[in-house]
Amino acid sequence: MKNYIDLDTIKKHLNLDSFWHGDDFILSQYSQIAQDIVEKNIDYPLEELEDEDGDIPSGLAGAILLYIGTLYDNRESVNHSNNTELPLGFRYILDSYRNYNPQNLKNNNSNKCCCNE
């Protein structure tokens, strides 16, 4: 799978020094996981949403960064603090791109996005 977010952008989002490479492998793994999660949540292939430069919509790129941050900050399956989901965060962004009609993929491959643009 193509990596839509480069490592320097991920490090800037996480406030990590670009010259430090100690977590590069895990950040790359998290990036792939986040892309998979976004694709499954919107039920639409990211590659079908690419523009002519090979970029995906900025909202989806932002959702990927948010999810990478969540994975990086919560590296264990148990969290001992009381966290709440941000109301206009990851799920809100993905809902605006979600393919609510599975027939769109089967019958009309020319649709690049499920949202009204």
PDB file of N, CA and C in Angstrom:
ATOM      1  N   MET A   1       0.844  -1.188   0.000  1.00  0.00           N
ATOM      2  CA  MET A   1       0.000   0.000   0.000  1.00  0.00           C
ATOM      3  C   MET A   1       0.886   1.248   0.000  1.00  0.00           C
ATOM      4  N   LYS A   2       0.492   2.193  -0.780  1.00  0.00           N
ATOM      5  CA  LYS A   2       1.201   3.467  -0.852  1.00  0.00           C
ATOM      6  C   LYS A   2       1.107   4.200   0.488  1.00  0.00           C
ATOM      7  N   ASN A   3       2.191   4.876   0.870  1.00  0.00           N
ATOM      8  CA  ASN A   3       2.195   5.659   2.103  1.00  0.00           C
ATOM      9  C   ASN A   3       1.866   7.109   1.750  1.00  0.00           C
ATOM     10  N   TYR A   4       0.691   7.591   2.189  1.00  0.00           N
ATOM     11  CA  TYR A   4       0.218   8.920   1.825  1.00  0.00           C
ATOM     12  C   TYR A   4       0.782  10.028   2.716  1.00  0.00           C
ATOM     13  N   ILE A   5       1.302   9.674   3.880  1.00  0.00           N
ATOM     14  CA  ILE A   5       1.855  10.665   4.802  1.00  0.00           C
ATOM     15  C   ILE A   5       3.337  10.351   4.994  1.00  0.00           C
ATOM     16  N   ASP A   6       4.204  11.311   4.659  1.00  0.00           N
ATOM     17  CA  ASP A   6       5.630  11.051   4.802  1.00  0.00           C
ATOM     18  C   ASP A   6       6.058  11.159   6.273  1.00  0.00           C
ATOM     19  N   LEU A   7       7.185  10.548   6.566  1.00  0.00           N
ATOM     20  CA  LEU A   7       7.666  10.450   7.939  1.00  0.00           C
ATOM     21  C   LEU A   7       7.928  11.815   8.567  1.00  0.00           C
ATOM     22  N   ASP A   8       8.439  12.765   7.799  1.00  0.00           N
ATOM     23  CA  ASP A   8       8.683  14.111   8.344  1.00  0.00           C
ATOM     24  C   ASP A   8       7.381  14.782   8.779  1.00  0.00           C
ATOM     25  N   THR A   9       6.322  14.609   8.008  1.00  0.00           N
ATOM     26  CA  THR A   9       5.024  15.181   8.374  1.00  0.00           C
ATOM     27  C   THR A   9       4.494  14.529   9.646  1.00  0.00           C
ATOM     28  N   ILE A  10       4.652  13.225   9.738  1.00  0.00           N
ATOM     29  CA  ILE A  10       4.222  12.509  10.945  1.00  0.00           C
ATOM     30  C   ILE A  10       4.978  13.034  12.158  1.00  0.00           C
ATOM     31  N   LYS A  11       6.290  13.197  12.018  1.00  0.00           N
ATOM     32  CA  LYS A  11       7.099  13.677  13.144  1.00  0.00           C
ATOM     33  C   LYS A  11       6.710  15.098  13.535  1.00  0.00           C
ATOM     34  N   LYS A  12       6.425  15.949  12.571  1.00  0.00           N
ATOM     35  CA  LYS A  12       5.973  17.307  12.886  1.00  0.00           C
ATOM     36  C   LYS A  12       4.654  17.265  13.638  1.00  0.00           C
ATOM     37  N   HIS A  13       3.741  16.408  13.199  1.00  0.00           N
ATOM     38  CA  HIS A  13       2.442  16.283  13.861  1.00  0.00           C
ATOM     39  C   HIS A  13       2.602  15.829  15.312  1.00  0.00           C
ATOM     40  N   LEU A  14       3.573  14.961  15.556  1.00  0.00           N
ATOM     41  CA  LEU A  14       3.789  14.411  16.900  1.00  0.00           C
ATOM     42  C   LEU A  14       4.788  15.230  17.725  1.00  0.00           C
ATOM     43  N   ASN A  15       5.254  16.336  17.171  1.00  0.00           N
ATOM     44  CA  ASN A  15       6.261  17.181  17.828  1.00  0.00           C
ATOM     45  C   ASN A  15       7.540  16.418  18.152  1.00  0.00           C
ATOM     46  N   LEU A  16       7.994  15.603  17.190  1.00  0.00           N
ATOM     47  CA  LEU A  16       9.244  14.864  17.323  1.00  0.00           C
ATOM     48  C   LEU A  16      10.306  15.522  16.451  1.00  0.00           C
ATOM     49  N   ASP A  17      11.546  15.486  16.907  1.00  0.00           N
ATOM     50  CA  ASP A  17      12.647  16.038  16.121  1.00  0.00           C
ATOM     51  C   ASP A  17      12.845  15.208  14.858  1.00  0.00           C
ATOM     52  N   SER A  18      12.997  15.876  13.733  1.00  0.00           N
ATOM     53  CA  SER A  18      13.142  15.175  12.456  1.00  0.00           C
ATOM     54  C   SER A  18      14.450  14.387  12.376  1.00  0.00           C
ATOM     55  N   PHE A  19      15.465  14.797  13.129  1.00  0.00           N
ATOM     56  CA  PHE A  19      16.760  14.104  13.073  1.00  0.00           C
ATOM     57  C   PHE A  19      16.810  12.867  13.968  1.00  0.00           C
ATOM     58  N   TRP A  20      15.804  12.687  14.827  1.00  0.00           N
ATOM     59  CA  TRP A  20      15.761  11.509  15.692  1.00  0.00           C
ATOM     60  C   TRP A  20      15.057  10.381  14.950  1.00  0.00           C
ATOM     61  N   HIS A  21      15.691   9.227  14.892  1.00  0.00           N
ATOM     62  CA  HIS A  21      15.164   8.120  14.090  1.00  0.00           C
ATOM     63  C   HIS A  21      14.804   6.888  14.922  1.00  0.00           C
ATOM     64  N   GLY A  22      14.755   7.036  16.235  1.00  0.00           N
ATOM     65  CA  GLY A  22      14.496   5.912  17.120  1.00  0.00           C
ATOM     66  C   GLY A  22      13.145   5.251  16.929  1.00  0.00           C
ATOM     67  N   ASP A  23      12.135   6.004  16.515  1.00  0.00           N
ATOM     68  CA  ASP A  23      10.792   5.447  16.341  1.00  0.00           C
ATOM     69  C   ASP A  23      10.350   5.411  14.878  1.00  0.00           C
ATOM     70  N   ASP A  24      11.274   5.563  13.950  1.00  0.00           N
ATOM     71  CA  ASP A  24      10.902   5.596  12.533  1.00  0.00           C
ATOM     72  C   ASP A  24      10.158   4.338  12.097  1.00  0.00           C
ATOM     73  N   PHE A  25      10.633   3.177  12.524  1.00  0.00           N
ATOM     74  CA  PHE A  25       9.988   1.931  12.104  1.00  0.00           C
ATOM     75  C   PHE A  25       8.554   1.865  12.618  1.00  0.00           C
ATOM     76  N   ILE A  26       8.367   2.132  13.899  1.00  0.00           N
ATOM     77  CA  ILE A  26       7.025   2.029  14.474  1.00  0.00           C
ATOM     78  C   ILE A  26       6.093   3.096  13.896  1.00  0.00           C
ATOM     79  N   LEU A  27       6.623   4.289  13.615  1.00  0.00           N
ATOM     80  CA  LEU A  27       5.803   5.330  12.987  1.00  0.00           C
ATOM     81  C   LEU A  27       5.363   4.920  11.584  1.00  0.00           C
ATOM     82  N   SER A  28       6.239   4.261  10.853  1.00  0.00           N
ATOM     83  CA  SER A  28       5.875   3.759   9.519  1.00  0.00           C
ATOM     84  C   SER A  28       4.796   2.688   9.626  1.00  0.00           C
ATOM     85  N   GLN A  29       4.924   1.824  10.634  1.00  0.00           N
ATOM     86  CA  GLN A  29       3.911   0.803  10.867  1.00  0.00           C
ATOM     87  C   GLN A  29       2.570   1.440  11.228  1.00  0.00           C
ATOM     88  N   TYR A  30       2.616   2.419  12.123  1.00  0.00           N
ATOM     89  CA  TYR A  30       1.389   3.114  12.525  1.00  0.00           C
ATOM     90  C   TYR A  30       0.739   3.820  11.336  1.00  0.00           C
ATOM     91  N   SER A  31       1.553   4.351  10.449  1.00  0.00           N
ATOM     92  CA  SER A  31       1.018   5.025   9.267  1.00  0.00           C
ATOM     93  C   SER A  31       0.234   4.048   8.401  1.00  0.00           C
ATOM     94  N   GLN A  32       0.774   2.863   8.189  1.00  0.00           N
ATOM     95  CA  GLN A  32       0.080   1.856   7.395  1.00  0.00           C
ATOM     96  C   GLN A  32      -1.199   1.390   8.090  1.00  0.00           C
ATOM     97  N   ILE A  33      -1.119   1.203   9.404  1.00  0.00           N
ATOM     98  CA  ILE A  33      -2.309   0.806  10.164  1.00  0.00           C
ATOM     99  C   ILE A  33      -3.390   1.871  10.036  1.00  0.00           C
ATOM    100  N   ALA A  34      -3.003   3.134  10.226  1.00  0.00           N
ATOM    101  CA  ALA A  34      -3.967   4.238  10.161  1.00  0.00           C
ATOM    102  C   ALA A  34      -4.613   4.321   8.779  1.00  0.00           C
ATOM    103  N   GLN A  35      -3.831   4.150   7.726  1.00  0.00           N
ATOM    104  CA  GLN A  35      -4.388   4.171   6.380  1.00  0.00           C
ATOM    105  C   GLN A  35      -5.383   3.036   6.194  1.00  0.00           C
ATOM    106  N   ASP A  36      -5.046   1.853   6.680  1.00  0.00           N
ATOM    107  CA  ASP A  36      -5.967   0.718   6.582  1.00  0.00           C
ATOM    108  C   ASP A  36      -7.266   1.006   7.322  1.00  0.00           C
ATOM    109  N   ILE A  37      -7.157   1.569   8.529  1.00  0.00           N
ATOM    110  CA  ILE A  37      -8.337   1.867   9.345  1.00  0.00           C
ATOM    111  C   ILE A  37      -9.212   2.907   8.648  1.00  0.00           C
ATOM    112  N   VAL A  38      -8.594   3.946   8.102  1.00  0.00           N
ATOM    113  CA  VAL A  38      -9.351   4.983   7.391  1.00  0.00           C
ATOM    114  C   VAL A  38     -10.080   4.368   6.198  1.00  0.00           C
ATOM    115  N   GLU A  39      -9.368   3.562   5.422  1.00  0.00           N
ATOM    116  CA  GLU A  39      -9.969   2.942   4.248  1.00  0.00           C
ATOM    117  C   GLU A  39     -11.152   2.048   4.636  1.00  0.00           C
ATOM    118  N   LYS A  40     -11.008   1.278   5.691  1.00  0.00           N
ATOM    119  CA  LYS A  40     -12.095   0.409   6.141  1.00  0.00           C
ATOM    120  C   LYS A  40     -13.277   1.223   6.680  1.00  0.00           C
ATOM    121  N   ASN A  41     -12.984   2.332   7.354  1.00  0.00           N
ATOM    122  CA  ASN A  41     -14.051   3.165   7.914  1.00  0.00           C
ATOM    123  C   ASN A  41     -14.871   3.872   6.852  1.00  0.00           C
ATOM    124  N   ILE A  42     -14.234   4.312   5.785  1.00  0.00           N
ATOM    125  CA  ILE A  42     -14.994   5.006   4.742  1.00  0.00           C
ATOM    126  C   ILE A  42     -15.525   4.024   3.697  1.00  0.00           C
ATOM    127  N   ASP A  43     -15.064   2.780   3.759  1.00  0.00           N
ATOM    128  CA  ASP A  43     -15.488   1.738   2.835  1.00  0.00           C
ATOM    129  C   ASP A  43     -15.248   2.156   1.381  1.00  0.00           C
ATOM    130  N   TYR A  44     -14.063   2.687   1.168  1.00  0.00           N
ATOM    131  CA  TYR A  44     -13.699   3.158  -0.164  1.00  0.00           C
ATOM    132  C   TYR A  44     -12.177   3.139  -0.271  1.00  0.00           C
ATOM    133  N   PRO A  45     -11.602   2.649  -1.365  1.00  0.00           N
ATOM    134  CA  PRO A  45     -10.149   2.589  -1.498  1.00  0.00           C
ATOM    135  C   PRO A  45      -9.531   3.991  -1.586  1.00  0.00           C
ATOM    136  N   LEU A  46      -8.496   4.227  -0.804  1.00  0.00           N
ATOM    137  CA  LEU A  46      -7.837   5.532  -0.829  1.00  0.00           C
ATOM    138  C   LEU A  46      -7.271   5.850  -2.207  1.00  0.00           C
ATOM    139  N   GLU A  47      -6.755   4.853  -2.888  1.00  0.00           N
ATOM    140  CA  GLU A  47      -6.167   5.110  -4.205  1.00  0.00           C
ATOM    141  C   GLU A  47      -7.197   5.646  -5.196  1.00  0.00           C
ATOM    142  N   GLU A  48      -8.467   5.339  -4.990  1.00  0.00           N
ATOM    143  CA  GLU A  48      -9.522   5.852  -5.867  1.00  0.00           C
ATOM    144  C   GLU A  48      -9.843   7.321  -5.582  1.00  0.00           C
ATOM    145  N   LEU A  49      -9.357   7.830  -4.457  1.00  0.00           N
ATOM    146  CA  LEU A  49      -9.613   9.217  -4.084  1.00  0.00           C
ATOM    147  C   LEU A  49      -8.430  10.136  -4.391  1.00  0.00           C
ATOM    148  N   GLU A  50      -7.366   9.571  -4.940  1.00  0.00           N
ATOM    149  CA  GLU A  50      -6.176  10.368  -5.264  1.00  0.00           C
ATOM    150  C   GLU A  50      -6.484  11.403  -6.335  1.00  0.00           C
ATOM    151  N   ASP A  51      -5.851  12.580  -6.186  1.00  0.00           N
ATOM    152  CA  ASP A  51      -5.945  13.582  -7.248  1.00  0.00           C
ATOM    153  C   ASP A  51      -4.856  13.304  -8.277  1.00  0.00           C
ATOM    154  N   GLU A  52      -4.696  14.197  -9.231  1.00  0.00           N
ATOM    155  CA  GLU A  52      -3.727  13.982 -10.302  1.00  0.00           C
ATOM    156  C   GLU A  52      -2.277  13.952  -9.805  1.00  0.00           C
ATOM    157  N   ASP A  53      -2.012  14.491  -8.600  1.00  0.00           N
ATOM    158  CA  ASP A  53      -0.674  14.454  -8.025  1.00  0.00           C
ATOM    159  C   ASP A  53      -0.451  13.236  -7.128  1.00  0.00           C
ATOM    160  N   GLY A  54      -1.469  12.406  -6.983  1.00  0.00           N
ATOM    161  CA  GLY A  54      -1.358  11.220  -6.141  1.00  0.00           C
ATOM    162  C   GLY A  54      -1.652  11.471  -4.676  1.00  0.00           C
ATOM    163  N   ASP A  55      -2.213  12.647  -4.366  1.00  0.00           N
ATOM    164  CA  ASP A  55      -2.557  12.987  -2.986  1.00  0.00           C
ATOM    165  C   ASP A  55      -4.017  12.656  -2.713  1.00  0.00           C
ATOM    166  N   ILE A  56      -4.302  12.345  -1.449  1.00  0.00           N
ATOM    167  CA  ILE A  56      -5.684  12.104  -1.032  1.00  0.00           C
ATOM    168  C   ILE A  56      -6.244  13.395  -0.447  1.00  0.00           C
ATOM    169  N   PRO A  57      -7.566  13.495  -0.287  1.00  0.00           N
ATOM    170  CA  PRO A  57      -8.148  14.714   0.299  1.00  0.00           C
ATOM    171  C   PRO A  57      -7.511  15.040   1.652  1.00  0.00           C
ATOM    172  N   SER A  58      -7.338  16.328   1.904  1.00  0.00           N
ATOM    173  CA  SER A  58      -6.652  16.766   3.124  1.00  0.00           C
ATOM    174  C   SER A  58      -7.370  16.310   4.388  1.00  0.00           C
ATOM    175  N   GLY A  59      -8.688  16.187   4.341  1.00  0.00           N
ATOM    176  CA  GLY A  59      -9.417  15.694   5.500  1.00  0.00           C
ATOM    177  C   GLY A  59      -9.023  14.272   5.865  1.00  0.00           C
ATOM    178  N   LEU A  60      -8.855  13.440   4.854  1.00  0.00           N
ATOM    179  CA  LEU A  60      -8.446  12.061   5.112  1.00  0.00           C
ATOM    180  C   LEU A  60      -6.993  11.992   5.573  1.00  0.00           C
ATOM    181  N   ALA A  61      -6.143  12.841   5.015  1.00  0.00           N
ATOM    182  CA  ALA A  61      -4.757  12.898   5.487  1.00  0.00           C
ATOM    183  C   ALA A  61      -4.721  13.318   6.952  1.00  0.00           C
ATOM    184  N   GLY A  62      -5.571  14.272   7.310  1.00  0.00           N
ATOM    185  CA  GLY A  62      -5.660  14.704   8.705  1.00  0.00           C
ATOM    186  C   GLY A  62      -6.153  13.601   9.611  1.00  0.00           C
ATOM    187  N   ALA A  63      -7.137  12.824   9.147  1.00  0.00           N
ATOM    188  CA  ALA A  63      -7.646  11.698   9.940  1.00  0.00           C
ATOM    189  C   ALA A  63      -6.551  10.654  10.150  1.00  0.00           C
ATOM    190  N   ILE A  64      -5.748  10.412   9.135  1.00  0.00           N
ATOM    191  CA  ILE A  64      -4.635   9.470   9.263  1.00  0.00           C
ATOM    192  C   ILE A  64      -3.659   9.965  10.327  1.00  0.00           C
ATOM    193  N   LEU A  65      -3.330  11.261  10.285  1.00  0.00           N
ATOM    194  CA  LEU A  65      -2.417  11.826  11.291  1.00  0.00           C
ATOM    195  C   LEU A  65      -3.014  11.724  12.700  1.00  0.00           C
ATOM    196  N   LEU A  66      -4.309  12.001  12.835  1.00  0.00           N
ATOM    197  CA  LEU A  66      -4.951  11.880  14.147  1.00  0.00           C
ATOM    198  C   LEU A  66      -4.846  10.454  14.678  1.00  0.00           C
ATOM    199  N   TYR A  67      -5.072   9.488  13.810  1.00  0.00           N
ATOM    200  CA  TYR A  67      -5.032   8.099  14.250  1.00  0.00           C
ATOM    201  C   TYR A  67      -3.608   7.660  14.579  1.00  0.00           C
ATOM    202  N   ILE A  68      -2.637   8.124  13.811  1.00  0.00           N
ATOM    203  CA  ILE A  68      -1.230   7.828  14.127  1.00  0.00           C
ATOM    204  C   ILE A  68      -0.902   8.373  15.504  1.00  0.00           C
ATOM    205  N   GLY A  69      -1.352   9.597  15.789  1.00  0.00           N
ATOM    206  CA  GLY A  69      -1.116  10.190  17.103  1.00  0.00           C
ATOM    207  C   GLY A  69      -1.738   9.380  18.212  1.00  0.00           C
ATOM    208  N   THR A  70      -2.933   8.871  17.979  1.00  0.00           N
ATOM    209  CA  THR A  70      -3.604   8.038  18.975  1.00  0.00           C
ATOM    210  C   THR A  70      -2.815   6.758  19.229  1.00  0.00           C
ATOM    211  N   LEU A  71      -2.369   6.107  18.158  1.00  0.00           N
ATOM    212  CA  LEU A  71      -1.586   4.883  18.311  1.00  0.00           C
ATOM    213  C   LEU A  71      -0.263   5.155  19.026  1.00  0.00           C
ATOM    214  N   TYR A  72       0.383   6.260  18.680  1.00  0.00           N
ATOM    215  CA  TYR A  72       1.695   6.579  19.257  1.00  0.00           C
ATOM    216  C   TYR A  72       1.569   6.941  20.740  1.00  0.00           C
ATOM    217  N   ASP A  73       0.536   7.681  21.083  1.00  0.00           N
ATOM    218  CA  ASP A  73       0.355   8.103  22.476  1.00  0.00           C
ATOM    219  C   ASP A  73      -0.184   6.992  23.364  1.00  0.00           C
ATOM    220  N   ASN A  74      -0.837   6.009  22.783  1.00  0.00           N
ATOM    221  CA  ASN A  74      -1.456   4.920  23.549  1.00  0.00           C
ATOM    222  C   ASN A  74      -0.917   3.589  23.034  1.00  0.00           C
ATOM    223  N   ARG A  75       0.303   3.280  23.392  1.00  0.00           N
ATOM    224  CA  ARG A  75       0.965   2.095  22.850  1.00  0.00           C
ATOM    225  C   ARG A  75       0.570   0.800  23.549  1.00  0.00           C
ATOM    226  N   GLU A  76      -0.233   0.872  24.547  1.00  0.00           N
ATOM    227  CA  GLU A  76      -0.682  -0.316  25.265  1.00  0.00           C
ATOM    228  C   GLU A  76      -2.197  -0.453  25.112  1.00  0.00           C
ATOM    229  N   SER A  77      -2.704  -1.647  25.325  1.00  0.00           N
ATOM    230  CA  SER A  77      -4.142  -1.873  25.166  1.00  0.00           C
ATOM    231  C   SER A  77      -4.948  -1.413  26.376  1.00  0.00           C
ATOM    232  N   VAL A  78      -4.269  -1.086  27.474  1.00  0.00           N
ATOM    233  CA  VAL A  78      -4.942  -0.615  28.682  1.00  0.00           C
ATOM    234  C   VAL A  78      -4.530   0.823  28.934  1.00  0.00           C
ATOM    235  N   ASN A  79      -5.513   1.668  29.194  1.00  0.00           N
ATOM    236  CA  ASN A  79      -5.253   3.065  29.485  1.00  0.00           C
ATOM    237  C   ASN A  79      -5.770   3.333  30.891  1.00  0.00           C
ATOM    238  N   HIS A  80      -4.930   3.927  31.717  1.00  0.00           N
ATOM    239  CA  HIS A  80      -5.292   4.141  33.116  1.00  0.00           C
ATOM    240  C   HIS A  80      -5.808   5.549  33.399  1.00  0.00           C
ATOM    241  N   SER A  81      -6.025   6.325  32.380  1.00  0.00           N
ATOM    242  CA  SER A  81      -6.594   7.659  32.573  1.00  0.00           C
ATOM    243  C   SER A  81      -7.991   7.695  31.967  1.00  0.00           C
ATOM    244  N   ASN A  82      -8.687   8.762  32.219  1.00  0.00           N
ATOM    245  CA  ASN A  82     -10.040   8.909  31.696  1.00  0.00           C
ATOM    246  C   ASN A  82      -9.997   9.769  30.442  1.00  0.00           C
ATOM    247  N   ASN A  83     -10.034   9.129  29.295  1.00  0.00           N
ATOM    248  CA  ASN A  83      -9.998   9.843  28.026  1.00  0.00           C
ATOM    249  C   ASN A  83     -11.389   9.905  27.416  1.00  0.00           C
ATOM    250  N   THR A  84     -11.632  10.974  26.681  1.00  0.00           N
ATOM    251  CA  THR A  84     -12.870  11.090  25.931  1.00  0.00           C
ATOM    252  C   THR A  84     -12.533  11.419  24.485  1.00  0.00           C
ATOM    253  N   GLU A  85     -13.389  10.990  23.604  1.00  0.00           N
ATOM    254  CA  GLU A  85     -13.182  11.251  22.190  1.00  0.00           C
ATOM    255  C   GLU A  85     -13.518  12.698  21.865  1.00  0.00           C
ATOM    256  N   LEU A  86     -12.680  13.320  21.040  1.00  0.00           N
ATOM    257  CA  LEU A  86     -12.943  14.689  20.612  1.00  0.00           C
ATOM    258  C   LEU A  86     -14.152  14.703  19.684  1.00  0.00           C
ATOM    259  N   PRO A  87     -15.076  15.631  19.864  1.00  0.00           N
ATOM    260  CA  PRO A  87     -16.315  15.603  19.084  1.00  0.00           C
ATOM    261  C   PRO A  87     -16.120  15.818  17.587  1.00  0.00           C
ATOM    262  N   LEU A  88     -15.139  16.577  17.183  1.00  0.00           N
ATOM    263  CA  LEU A  88     -14.919  16.819  15.751  1.00  0.00           C
ATOM    264  C   LEU A  88     -13.601  16.195  15.299  1.00  0.00           C
ATOM    265  N   GLY A  89     -13.288  15.043  15.830  1.00  0.00           N
ATOM    266  CA  GLY A  89     -12.030  14.378  15.537  1.00  0.00           C
ATOM    267  C   GLY A  89     -12.125  13.361  14.427  1.00  0.00           C
ATOM    268  N   PHE A  90     -11.435  12.270  14.645  1.00  0.00           N
ATOM    269  CA  PHE A  90     -11.243  11.207  13.665  1.00  0.00           C
ATOM    270  C   PHE A  90     -12.553  10.718  13.042  1.00  0.00           C
ATOM    271  N   ARG A  91     -13.507  10.302  13.850  1.00  0.00           N
ATOM    272  CA  ARG A  91     -14.757   9.737  13.327  1.00  0.00           C
ATOM    273  C   ARG A  91     -15.587  10.772  12.564  1.00  0.00           C
ATOM    274  N   TYR A  92     -15.590  11.992  13.029  1.00  0.00           N
ATOM    275  CA  TYR A  92     -16.336  13.055  12.352  1.00  0.00           C
ATOM    276  C   TYR A  92     -15.789  13.263  10.936  1.00  0.00           C
ATOM    277  N   ILE A  93     -14.469  13.291  10.824  1.00  0.00           N
ATOM    278  CA  ILE A  93     -13.850  13.475   9.502  1.00  0.00           C
ATOM    279  C   ILE A  93     -14.209  12.303   8.598  1.00  0.00           C
ATOM    280  N   LEU A  94     -14.055  11.092   9.106  1.00  0.00           N
ATOM    281  CA  LEU A  94     -14.310   9.919   8.274  1.00  0.00           C
ATOM    282  C   LEU A  94     -15.770   9.818   7.844  1.00  0.00           C
ATOM    283  N   ASP A  95     -16.671  10.209   8.710  1.00  0.00           N
ATOM    284  CA  ASP A  95     -18.090  10.159   8.350  1.00  0.00           C
ATOM    285  C   ASP A  95     -18.403  11.018   7.127  1.00  0.00           C
ATOM    286  N   SER A  96     -17.659  12.085   6.931  1.00  0.00           N
ATOM    287  CA  SER A  96     -17.918  12.949   5.778  1.00  0.00           C
ATOM    288  C   SER A  96     -17.440  12.325   4.466  1.00  0.00           C
ATOM    289  N   TYR A  97     -16.625  11.269   4.547  1.00  0.00           N
ATOM    290  CA  TYR A  97     -16.132  10.586   3.348  1.00  0.00           C
ATOM    291  C   TYR A  97     -16.709   9.184   3.186  1.00  0.00           C
ATOM    292  N   ARG A  98     -17.448   8.697   4.162  1.00  0.00           N
ATOM    293  CA  ARG A  98     -17.925   7.313   4.170  1.00  0.00           C
ATOM    294  C   ARG A  98     -18.821   7.027   2.977  1.00  0.00           C
ATOM    295  N   ASN A  99     -18.642   5.841   2.418  1.00  0.00           N
ATOM    296  CA  ASN A  99     -19.466   5.368   1.318  1.00  0.00           C
ATOM    297  C   ASN A  99     -20.667   4.655   1.921  1.00  0.00           C
ATOM    298  N   TYR A 100     -21.788   5.326   1.972  1.00  0.00           N
ATOM    299  CA  TYR A 100     -22.994   4.750   2.563  1.00  0.00           C
ATOM    300  C   TYR A 100     -23.773   3.878   1.586  1.00  0.00           C
ATOM    301  N   ASN A 101     -23.361   3.869   0.331  1.00  0.00           N
ATOM    302  CA  ASN A 101     -24.041   3.067  -0.677  1.00  0.00           C
ATOM    303  C   ASN A 101     -23.031   2.113  -1.307  1.00  0.00           C
ATOM    304  N   PRO A 102     -22.979   0.862  -0.846  1.00  0.00           N
ATOM    305  CA  PRO A 102     -22.005  -0.080  -1.380  1.00  0.00           C
ATOM    306  C   PRO A 102     -22.175  -0.337  -2.872  1.00  0.00           C
ATOM    307  N   GLN A 103     -23.338  -0.054  -3.413  1.00  0.00           N
ATOM    308  CA  GLN A 103     -23.553  -0.243  -4.843  1.00  0.00           C
ATOM    309  C   GLN A 103     -22.713   0.730  -5.669  1.00  0.00           C
ATOM    310  N   ASN A 104     -22.324   1.858  -5.086  1.00  0.00           N
ATOM    311  CA  ASN A 104     -21.490   2.825  -5.811  1.00  0.00           C
ATOM    312  C   ASN A 104     -20.210   2.174  -6.310  1.00  0.00           C
ATOM    313  N   LEU A 105     -19.606   1.340  -5.493  1.00  0.00           N
ATOM    314  CA  LEU A 105     -18.352   0.701  -5.878  1.00  0.00           C
ATOM    315  C   LEU A 105     -18.564  -0.320  -6.988  1.00  0.00           C
ATOM    316  N   LYS A 106     -19.669  -1.034  -6.933  1.00  0.00           N
ATOM    317  CA  LYS A 106     -19.906  -2.090  -7.910  1.00  0.00           C
ATOM    318  C   LYS A 106     -20.421  -1.546  -9.232  1.00  0.00           C
ATOM    319  N   ASN A 107     -21.304  -0.550  -9.187  1.00  0.00           N
ATOM    320  CA  ASN A 107     -21.987  -0.093 -10.396  1.00  0.00           C
ATOM    321  C   ASN A 107     -21.386   1.149 -11.033  1.00  0.00           C
ATOM    322  N   ASN A 108     -20.619   1.910 -10.284  1.00  0.00           N
ATOM    323  CA  ASN A 108     -20.146   3.173 -10.823  1.00  0.00           C
ATOM    324  C   ASN A 108     -18.732   3.441 -10.348  1.00  0.00           C
ATOM    325  N   ASN A 109     -17.768   2.820 -10.984  1.00  0.00           N
ATOM    326  CA  ASN A 109     -16.368   2.996 -10.597  1.00  0.00           C
ATOM    327  C   ASN A 109     -15.835   4.369 -10.951  1.00  0.00           C
ATOM    328  N   SER A 110     -16.596   5.165 -11.681  1.00  0.00           N
ATOM    329  CA  SER A 110     -16.126   6.503 -12.040  1.00  0.00           C
ATOM    330  C   SER A 110     -16.263   7.480 -10.878  1.00  0.00           C
ATOM    331  N   ASN A 111     -17.083   7.142  -9.859  1.00  0.00           N
ATOM    332  CA  ASN A 111     -17.210   8.014  -8.691  1.00  0.00           C
ATOM    333  C   ASN A 111     -15.905   7.999  -7.912  1.00  0.00           C
ATOM    334  N   LYS A 112     -15.321   9.149  -7.719  1.00  0.00           N
ATOM    335  CA  LYS A 112     -14.083   9.224  -6.965  1.00  0.00           C
ATOM    336  C   LYS A 112     -14.351   9.404  -5.488  1.00  0.00           C
ATOM    337  N   CYS A 113     -15.524   9.845  -5.112  1.00  0.00           N
ATOM    338  CA  CYS A 113     -15.807  10.083  -3.706  1.00  0.00           C
ATOM    339  C   CYS A 113     -17.291   9.885  -3.463  1.00  0.00           C
ATOM    340  N   CYS A 114     -17.589   9.460  -2.254  1.00  0.00           N
ATOM    341  CA  CYS A 114     -18.987   9.210  -1.911  1.00  0.00           C
ATOM    342  C   CYS A 114     -19.681  10.462  -1.397  1.00  0.00           C
ATOM    343  N   CYS A 115     -18.923  11.495  -1.101  1.00  0.00           N
ATOM    344  CA  CYS A 115     -19.535  12.712  -0.543  1.00  0.00           C
ATOM    345  C   CYS A 115     -19.970  13.649  -1.665  1.00  0.00           C
ATOM    346  N   ASN A 116     -20.843  14.560  -1.352  1.00  0.00           N
ATOM    347  CA  ASN A 116     -21.309  15.533  -2.347  1.00  0.00           C
ATOM    348  C   ASN A 116     -20.326  16.668  -2.426  1.00  0.00           C
ATOM    349  N   GLU A 117     -19.599  16.743  -3.503  1.00  0.00           N
ATOM    350  CA  GLU A 117     -18.610  17.822  -3.685  1.00  0.00           C
ATOM    351  C   GLU A 117     -19.057  18.737  -4.797  1.00  0.00           C
TER     352      GLU A 117
END
